[in-house]
Amino acid sequence: MTDSRPLVRSRTGAPAVLLVLSCALVVAGLFLPWLRSGSVERNSFQVAAVIDRLALVRDSSLSWLPDAWPGVAVVVLVPIALLVTGLRRWAGGCALTVGVLTLGLGVATLVLGSGRAGAGIRLAPAGPVVLALGAAGLVVTGVLLLVRARPIGAKPIPTGGPGSRSAPG
């Protein structure tokens, strides 16, 4: 007779919803305006194309970034795919990693771009703010998924506090 119980407790409801909403915010942030030049607003993909066209990072360690930028929207969705396939801890680790990286990007853009304007180009904060909010949600979701994943039937490790039945070692 096979055991049909799930391998992981089904405590995925709230983290799953938060994960989907956070990923949606990050992807939306990528498509919202990041720069404003006169009356024209440019999203992160357009900014990456301009950086590539002007060869601003061609001879640096970041030369790969403009070409890889469109893949960011796909990478953001990987934690959802991992969670759907039942790989809760992998989803948590991936969400945490993607969240930290994109949060760093959003915050750095806001800090470095705030109050600066050159040649009529200035920061349009909508994209980086929404990206940072979604990234913060990914960080929280990643932690929740990593902390709350426990095999069925597994008992919490005793802490040795009052009332603990663990034998002295």
Protein backbone atom coordinates (compact mmCIF):
# COMPACT_ATOMS: atom_id res chain seq x y z
CA MET A 1 0.00 0.00 0.00
CA THR A 2 1.40 3.38 -0.95
CA ASP A 3 1.32 6.41 1.28
CA SER A 4 -0.67 9.15 -0.47
CA ARG A 5 0.13 11.86 2.09
CA PRO A 6 1.92 14.90 0.66
CA LEU A 7 5.64 15.19 1.38
CA VAL A 8 5.30 18.76 2.58
CA ARG A 9 2.57 20.27 4.71
CA SER A 10 0.19 22.29 2.61
CA ARG A 11 0.97 25.69 4.08
CA THR A 12 1.51 27.26 0.71
CA GLY A 13 -1.63 29.40 0.48
CA ALA A 14 -0.50 32.80 1.75
CA PRO A 15 3.13 32.49 0.57
CA ALA A 16 1.94 31.40 -2.88
CA VAL A 17 -0.36 34.41 -3.21
CA LEU A 18 2.39 36.73 -1.97
CA LEU A 19 4.84 35.12 -4.40
CA VAL A 20 2.58 35.65 -7.41
CA LEU A 21 1.78 39.23 -6.41
CA SER A 22 5.45 40.02 -5.77
CA CYS A 23 6.54 38.58 -9.11
CA ALA A 24 3.79 40.54 -10.85
CA LEU A 25 5.00 43.76 -9.20
CA VAL A 26 8.61 43.12 -10.21
CA VAL A 27 7.63 42.43 -13.83
CA ALA A 28 5.32 45.47 -13.86
CA GLY A 29 8.16 47.57 -12.47
CA LEU A 30 10.36 46.50 -15.39
CA PHE A 31 7.75 47.83 -17.84
CA LEU A 32 6.95 51.07 -16.01
CA PRO A 33 8.96 54.25 -16.70
CA TRP A 34 12.52 54.42 -15.37
CA LEU A 35 13.80 57.52 -17.16
CA ARG A 36 12.13 60.66 -18.45
CA SER A 37 13.64 62.67 -21.28
CA GLY A 38 11.52 65.73 -21.96
CA SER A 39 8.02 64.33 -22.40
CA VAL A 40 9.22 60.81 -23.31
CA GLU A 41 9.34 58.10 -20.66
CA ARG A 42 11.46 54.98 -21.08
CA ASN A 43 11.05 51.63 -19.33
CA SER A 44 13.96 49.48 -18.17
CA PHE A 45 14.11 47.53 -21.45
CA GLN A 46 14.37 50.75 -23.48
CA VAL A 47 17.04 52.03 -21.10
CA ALA A 48 19.02 48.79 -21.54
CA ALA A 49 18.75 49.16 -25.33
CA VAL A 50 20.05 52.75 -25.15
CA ILE A 51 22.93 51.65 -22.91
CA ASP A 52 23.80 48.96 -25.46
CA ARG A 53 23.43 51.30 -28.46
CA LEU A 54 25.65 53.96 -26.88
CA ALA A 55 28.17 51.30 -25.77
CA LEU A 56 28.20 52.69 -22.23
CA VAL A 57 29.26 49.37 -20.69
CA ARG A 58 30.96 47.71 -23.66
CA ASP A 59 34.45 47.55 -22.11
CA SER A 60 33.41 46.75 -18.56
CA SER A 61 32.50 43.68 -16.57
CA LEU A 62 28.83 44.60 -17.13
CA SER A 63 28.97 44.40 -20.92
CA TRP A 64 26.66 41.36 -20.88
CA LEU A 65 23.90 43.15 -18.96
CA PRO A 66 22.05 44.98 -21.79
CA ASP A 67 21.80 41.76 -23.82
CA ALA A 68 20.65 39.72 -20.82
CA TRP A 69 18.17 42.30 -19.48
CA PRO A 70 15.07 40.91 -21.27
CA GLY A 71 15.67 37.61 -19.48
CA VAL A 72 15.10 39.24 -16.10
CA ALA A 73 11.33 39.09 -16.59
CA VAL A 74 11.61 35.33 -17.15
CA VAL A 75 13.98 34.72 -14.22
CA VAL A 76 11.54 36.47 -11.90
CA LEU A 77 8.95 33.79 -12.70
CA VAL A 78 11.23 30.85 -11.82
CA PRO A 79 10.20 30.77 -8.12
CA ILE A 80 6.56 30.34 -9.18
CA ALA A 81 7.47 27.42 -11.44
CA LEU A 82 9.47 25.81 -8.63
CA LEU A 83 6.60 26.20 -6.16
CA VAL A 84 4.09 24.74 -8.62
CA THR A 85 6.31 21.69 -9.08
CA GLY A 86 6.43 21.17 -5.31
CA LEU A 87 10.00 22.35 -4.76
CA ARG A 88 9.09 24.65 -1.89
CA ARG A 89 12.57 25.22 -0.48
CA TRP A 90 14.07 25.76 -3.92
CA ALA A 91 11.29 28.24 -4.63
CA GLY A 92 12.05 29.98 -1.35
CA GLY A 93 15.77 30.17 -2.05
CA CYS A 94 15.22 31.40 -5.58
CA ALA A 95 12.64 33.99 -4.46
CA LEU A 96 15.02 35.21 -1.78
CA THR A 97 17.93 35.48 -4.23
CA VAL A 98 15.92 37.20 -6.97
CA GLY A 99 14.33 39.46 -4.35
CA VAL A 100 17.64 40.59 -2.87
CA LEU A 101 19.15 41.28 -6.31
CA THR A 102 16.15 43.18 -7.66
CA LEU A 103 15.66 45.06 -4.38
CA GLY A 104 19.29 46.16 -4.59
CA LEU A 105 18.76 47.29 -8.18
CA GLY A 106 15.58 49.23 -7.39
CA VAL A 107 16.98 50.93 -4.30
CA ALA A 108 20.32 51.74 -5.99
CA THR A 109 18.48 53.28 -8.93
CA LEU A 110 16.34 55.40 -6.63
CA VAL A 111 19.27 56.51 -4.47
CA LEU A 112 21.68 57.23 -7.31
CA GLY A 113 19.09 58.76 -9.62
CA SER A 114 17.13 60.94 -7.20
CA GLY A 115 17.68 64.65 -7.65
CA ARG A 116 19.99 64.18 -10.63
CA ALA A 117 19.27 65.33 -14.13
CA GLY A 118 21.57 65.70 -17.08
CA ALA A 119 20.88 66.72 -20.66
CA GLY A 120 17.17 66.80 -19.85
CA ILE A 121 17.17 63.19 -18.64
CA ARG A 122 15.96 62.42 -15.14
CA LEU A 123 14.71 59.50 -13.09
CA ALA A 124 11.09 58.46 -13.46
CA PRO A 125 10.60 56.69 -10.12
CA ALA A 126 7.50 54.62 -10.92
CA GLY A 127 9.43 51.64 -12.32
CA PRO A 128 12.13 51.39 -9.65
CA VAL A 129 9.62 51.93 -6.80
CA VAL A 130 7.23 49.21 -8.01
CA LEU A 131 10.21 46.91 -8.68
CA ALA A 132 11.55 47.49 -5.14
CA LEU A 133 8.13 46.82 -3.58
CA GLY A 134 7.79 43.56 -5.49
CA ALA A 135 11.37 42.62 -4.62
CA ALA A 136 10.71 43.21 -0.92
CA GLY A 137 7.71 40.89 -1.24
CA LEU A 138 9.95 38.27 -2.85
CA VAL A 139 12.39 38.50 0.05
CA VAL A 140 9.59 38.03 2.60
CA THR A 141 8.09 35.17 0.57
CA GLY A 142 11.46 33.49 0.21
CA VAL A 143 11.99 33.56 3.96
CA LEU A 144 8.46 32.25 4.60
CA LEU A 145 8.92 29.39 2.15
CA LEU A 146 12.29 28.44 3.61
CA VAL A 147 11.22 28.63 7.25
CA ARG A 148 7.80 27.00 6.95
CA ALA A 149 8.77 23.96 4.86
CA ARG A 150 8.78 20.87 7.08
CA PRO A 151 8.17 17.25 6.06
CA ILE A 152 4.90 15.68 7.20
CA GLY A 153 5.24 13.94 10.51
CA ALA A 154 8.48 15.72 11.33
CA LYS A 155 8.46 17.08 14.81
CA PRO A 156 10.12 20.35 15.71
CA ILE A 157 13.60 19.94 17.12
CA PRO A 158 13.44 20.36 20.90
CA THR A 159 15.16 23.47 22.13
CA GLY A 160 16.06 22.06 25.53
CA GLY A 161 13.94 24.62 27.33
CA PRO A 162 11.61 24.02 30.28
CA GLY A 163 9.39 21.01 29.73
CA SER A 164 11.74 19.51 27.15
CA ARG A 165 12.04 15.74 27.20
CA SER A 166 15.44 15.60 25.55
CA ALA A 167 18.01 13.59 27.44
CA PRO A 168 21.16 15.39 28.46
CA GLY A 169 23.98 14.63 26.06
